[in-house]
Amino acid sequence: MLLKSSQLLVVKNSVRIEMFGDEIDRIREINPLTGEVLSELEHIAIYPASHFVAGDEKTKEAIKRIRAELEERLKVLNMENKL
């Protein structure tokens, strides 16, 4: 089953990605109960379950640290007349 970029794959089957070392050797659509190979795929788009890798608290803390670092960096750049 080949998909164009505008198509979205919604399956009740599973996708098996077979590796050879650190390279993808084969991508197959399989029946998750029997393991039967249903089709060979050339490529597949895999999306994360969430946009956010970190939770709210970690994100807020990271933003605070980034802002503090930015303020320090701006002070240095202003003192060196680079802004």
N, C-alpha and C. Protein backbone atom coordinates (compact mmCIF):
# COMPACT_ATOMS: atom_id res chain seq x y z
N MET A 1 0.83 -1.17 0.00
CA MET A 1 0.00 0.00 0.00
C MET A 1 0.89 1.24 0.00
N LEU A 2 0.94 1.96 -1.10
CA LEU A 2 1.71 3.20 -1.20
C LEU A 2 0.77 4.37 -0.97
N LEU A 3 1.24 5.34 -0.22
CA LEU A 3 0.42 6.50 0.08
C LEU A 3 1.06 7.75 -0.47
N LYS A 4 0.24 8.64 -0.98
CA LYS A 4 0.73 9.95 -1.38
C LYS A 4 0.80 10.83 -0.15
N SER A 5 1.53 11.93 -0.22
CA SER A 5 1.72 12.78 0.95
C SER A 5 0.41 13.36 1.47
N SER A 6 -0.62 13.46 0.64
CA SER A 6 -1.89 14.02 1.08
C SER A 6 -2.78 12.96 1.73
N GLN A 7 -2.36 11.70 1.69
CA GLN A 7 -3.17 10.64 2.28
C GLN A 7 -2.70 10.34 3.69
N LEU A 8 -3.63 9.97 4.53
CA LEU A 8 -3.32 9.63 5.91
C LEU A 8 -3.67 8.17 6.13
N LEU A 9 -2.72 7.40 6.66
CA LEU A 9 -2.93 5.99 6.90
C LEU A 9 -3.54 5.80 8.28
N VAL A 10 -4.77 5.30 8.32
CA VAL A 10 -5.40 4.94 9.58
C VAL A 10 -5.66 3.45 9.47
N VAL A 11 -4.96 2.67 10.28
CA VAL A 11 -5.03 1.22 10.14
C VAL A 11 -5.40 0.56 11.45
N LYS A 12 -6.01 -0.58 11.32
CA LYS A 12 -6.24 -1.44 12.47
C LYS A 12 -5.16 -2.51 12.48
N ASN A 13 -4.32 -2.48 11.47
CA ASN A 13 -3.20 -3.40 11.40
C ASN A 13 -1.97 -2.73 12.00
N SER A 14 -0.91 -3.47 12.10
CA SER A 14 0.35 -2.93 12.64
C SER A 14 1.35 -2.73 11.52
N VAL A 15 2.36 -1.93 11.82
CA VAL A 15 3.45 -1.74 10.88
C VAL A 15 4.71 -2.30 11.52
N ARG A 16 5.41 -3.15 10.81
CA ARG A 16 6.66 -3.71 11.29
C ARG A 16 7.80 -3.05 10.51
N ILE A 17 8.72 -2.46 11.26
CA ILE A 17 9.90 -1.85 10.64
C ILE A 17 11.08 -2.74 10.96
N GLU A 18 11.65 -3.35 9.94
CA GLU A 18 12.78 -4.26 10.12
C GLU A 18 14.06 -3.50 9.85
N MET A 19 15.00 -3.65 10.77
CA MET A 19 16.26 -2.91 10.69
C MET A 19 17.41 -3.86 10.33
N PHE A 20 18.40 -3.31 9.64
CA PHE A 20 19.67 -3.98 9.42
C PHE A 20 20.72 -3.01 9.92
N GLY A 21 21.21 -3.27 11.14
CA GLY A 21 22.10 -2.30 11.76
C GLY A 21 21.30 -1.06 12.11
N ASP A 22 21.74 0.09 11.62
CA ASP A 22 21.01 1.34 11.90
C ASP A 22 20.23 1.82 10.68
N GLU A 23 20.02 0.93 9.71
CA GLU A 23 19.26 1.29 8.50
C GLU A 23 17.97 0.49 8.43
N ILE A 24 16.94 1.13 7.88
CA ILE A 24 15.67 0.43 7.68
C ILE A 24 15.82 -0.50 6.50
N ASP A 25 15.56 -1.78 6.75
CA ASP A 25 15.69 -2.79 5.71
C ASP A 25 14.36 -3.00 4.99
N ARG A 26 13.27 -2.99 5.76
CA ARG A 26 11.98 -3.33 5.18
C ARG A 26 10.88 -2.76 6.06
N ILE A 27 9.79 -2.32 5.43
CA ILE A 27 8.61 -1.84 6.14
C ILE A 27 7.44 -2.68 5.66
N ARG A 28 6.75 -3.30 6.62
CA ARG A 28 5.64 -4.18 6.26
C ARG A 28 4.41 -3.85 7.09
N GLU A 29 3.24 -3.94 6.46
CA GLU A 29 1.99 -3.87 7.18
C GLU A 29 1.62 -5.30 7.53
N ILE A 30 1.33 -5.53 8.82
CA ILE A 30 1.04 -6.89 9.26
C ILE A 30 -0.25 -6.94 10.07
N ASN A 31 -0.83 -8.12 10.14
CA ASN A 31 -1.95 -8.38 11.02
C ASN A 31 -1.37 -8.56 12.42
N PRO A 32 -1.77 -7.74 13.40
CA PRO A 32 -1.15 -7.80 14.72
C PRO A 32 -1.43 -9.10 15.48
N LEU A 33 -2.49 -9.80 15.14
CA LEU A 33 -2.81 -11.04 15.85
C LEU A 33 -2.09 -12.25 15.26
N THR A 34 -2.02 -12.32 13.94
CA THR A 34 -1.44 -13.50 13.30
C THR A 34 0.00 -13.29 12.85
N GLY A 35 0.40 -12.03 12.69
CA GLY A 35 1.74 -11.75 12.17
C GLY A 35 1.82 -11.88 10.65
N GLU A 36 0.68 -12.15 10.01
CA GLU A 36 0.65 -12.30 8.55
C GLU A 36 1.03 -10.98 7.88
N VAL A 37 1.93 -11.06 6.91
CA VAL A 37 2.34 -9.87 6.16
C VAL A 37 1.24 -9.55 5.15
N LEU A 38 0.69 -8.35 5.26
CA LEU A 38 -0.39 -7.93 4.37
C LEU A 38 0.12 -7.16 3.17
N SER A 39 1.18 -6.36 3.38
CA SER A 39 1.76 -5.61 2.26
C SER A 39 3.15 -5.12 2.63
N GLU A 40 3.94 -4.85 1.60
CA GLU A 40 5.27 -4.22 1.75
C GLU A 40 5.09 -2.74 1.47
N LEU A 41 5.68 -1.89 2.30
CA LEU A 41 5.55 -0.45 2.11
C LEU A 41 6.90 0.14 1.72
N GLU A 42 6.88 1.10 0.82
CA GLU A 42 8.10 1.81 0.44
C GLU A 42 8.47 2.86 1.48
N HIS A 43 7.43 3.49 2.03
CA HIS A 43 7.63 4.52 3.06
C HIS A 43 6.35 4.65 3.87
N ILE A 44 6.48 5.27 5.03
CA ILE A 44 5.32 5.52 5.88
C ILE A 44 5.62 6.73 6.75
N ALA A 45 4.62 7.55 6.98
CA ALA A 45 4.77 8.70 7.88
C ALA A 45 4.31 8.27 9.27
N ILE A 46 5.16 8.52 10.27
CA ILE A 46 4.83 8.18 11.64
C ILE A 46 4.83 9.47 12.45
N TYR A 47 3.71 9.76 13.10
CA TYR A 47 3.56 10.99 13.84
C TYR A 47 3.55 10.71 15.33
N PRO A 48 4.04 11.65 16.13
CA PRO A 48 4.00 11.46 17.59
C PRO A 48 2.57 11.54 18.11
N ALA A 49 2.34 10.93 19.25
CA ALA A 49 1.01 10.98 19.86
C ALA A 49 0.69 12.37 20.38
N SER A 50 1.74 13.17 20.65
CA SER A 50 1.56 14.52 21.17
C SER A 50 2.61 15.43 20.58
N HIS A 51 2.28 16.72 20.45
CA HIS A 51 3.26 17.70 19.97
C HIS A 51 4.35 17.91 21.00
N PHE A 52 3.98 17.69 22.25
CA PHE A 52 4.84 18.09 23.35
C PHE A 52 5.62 16.90 23.90
N VAL A 53 6.93 17.04 23.89
CA VAL A 53 7.79 15.99 24.42
C VAL A 53 7.88 16.13 25.93
N ALA A 54 7.88 17.34 26.42
CA ALA A 54 7.97 17.60 27.86
C ALA A 54 6.61 18.06 28.38
N GLY A 55 6.39 17.85 29.65
CA GLY A 55 5.14 18.29 30.27
C GLY A 55 5.14 19.78 30.49
N ASP A 56 4.03 20.30 30.99
CA ASP A 56 3.85 21.74 31.22
C ASP A 56 4.91 22.31 32.16
N GLU A 57 5.15 21.64 33.27
CA GLU A 57 6.11 22.15 34.25
C GLU A 57 7.52 22.26 33.66
N LYS A 58 7.94 21.22 32.96
CA LYS A 58 9.27 21.24 32.35
C LYS A 58 9.36 22.33 31.29
N THR A 59 8.29 22.50 30.53
CA THR A 59 8.28 23.52 29.49
C THR A 59 8.38 24.92 30.11
N LYS A 60 7.61 25.17 31.17
CA LYS A 60 7.65 26.48 31.83
C LYS A 60 9.03 26.75 32.42
N GLU A 61 9.64 25.75 33.03
CA GLU A 61 10.98 25.90 33.61
C GLU A 61 12.00 26.18 32.51
N ALA A 62 11.89 25.50 31.39
CA ALA A 62 12.80 25.72 30.27
C ALA A 62 12.66 27.14 29.73
N ILE A 63 11.44 27.64 29.63
CA ILE A 63 11.21 29.00 29.16
C ILE A 63 11.85 30.02 30.10
N LYS A 64 11.73 29.80 31.41
CA LYS A 64 12.37 30.69 32.39
C LYS A 64 13.88 30.72 32.18
N ARG A 65 14.48 29.54 32.03
CA ARG A 65 15.94 29.47 31.84
C ARG A 65 16.37 30.12 30.53
N ILE A 66 15.60 29.93 29.49
CA ILE A 66 15.91 30.55 28.19
C ILE A 66 15.85 32.07 28.30
N ARG A 67 14.82 32.57 28.97
CA ARG A 67 14.69 34.04 29.12
C ARG A 67 15.84 34.60 29.94
N ALA A 68 16.23 33.90 31.02
CA ALA A 68 17.35 34.37 31.85
C ALA A 68 18.64 34.38 31.04
N GLU A 69 18.86 33.33 30.26
CA GLU A 69 20.06 33.27 29.43
C GLU A 69 20.05 34.37 28.38
N LEU A 70 18.88 34.65 27.81
CA LEU A 70 18.75 35.71 26.81
C LEU A 70 19.09 37.06 27.43
N GLU A 71 18.59 37.32 28.63
CA GLU A 71 18.89 38.59 29.30
C GLU A 71 20.39 38.75 29.53
N GLU A 72 21.05 37.69 29.98
CA GLU A 72 22.50 37.75 30.20
C GLU A 72 23.23 38.01 28.89
N ARG A 73 22.83 37.32 27.87
CA ARG A 73 23.49 37.46 26.56
C ARG A 73 23.28 38.87 26.00
N LEU A 74 22.08 39.42 26.15
CA LEU A 74 21.79 40.77 25.67
C LEU A 74 22.65 41.80 26.39
N LYS A 75 22.85 41.62 27.70
CA LYS A 75 23.71 42.54 28.45
C LYS A 75 25.12 42.55 27.87
N VAL A 76 25.67 41.36 27.61
CA VAL A 76 27.02 41.25 27.07
C VAL A 76 27.09 41.90 25.69
N LEU A 77 26.12 41.59 24.84
CA LEU A 77 26.13 42.15 23.47
C LEU A 77 25.98 43.66 23.50
N ASN A 78 25.15 44.18 24.40
CA ASN A 78 24.99 45.64 24.52
C ASN A 78 26.28 46.29 25.00
N MET A 79 26.97 45.67 25.97
CA MET A 79 28.22 46.22 26.47
C MET A 79 29.30 46.24 25.38
N GLU A 80 29.23 45.26 24.49
CA GLU A 80 30.22 45.21 23.39
C GLU A 80 29.75 45.99 22.18
N ASN A 81 28.64 46.72 22.29
CA ASN A 81 28.06 47.50 21.19
C ASN A 81 27.82 46.66 19.92
N LYS A 82 27.35 45.46 20.14
CA LYS A 82 27.06 44.57 19.00
C LYS A 82 25.59 44.54 18.64
N LEU A 83 24.81 45.33 19.37
CA LEU A 83 23.37 45.40 19.04
C LEU A 83 22.99 46.83 18.69
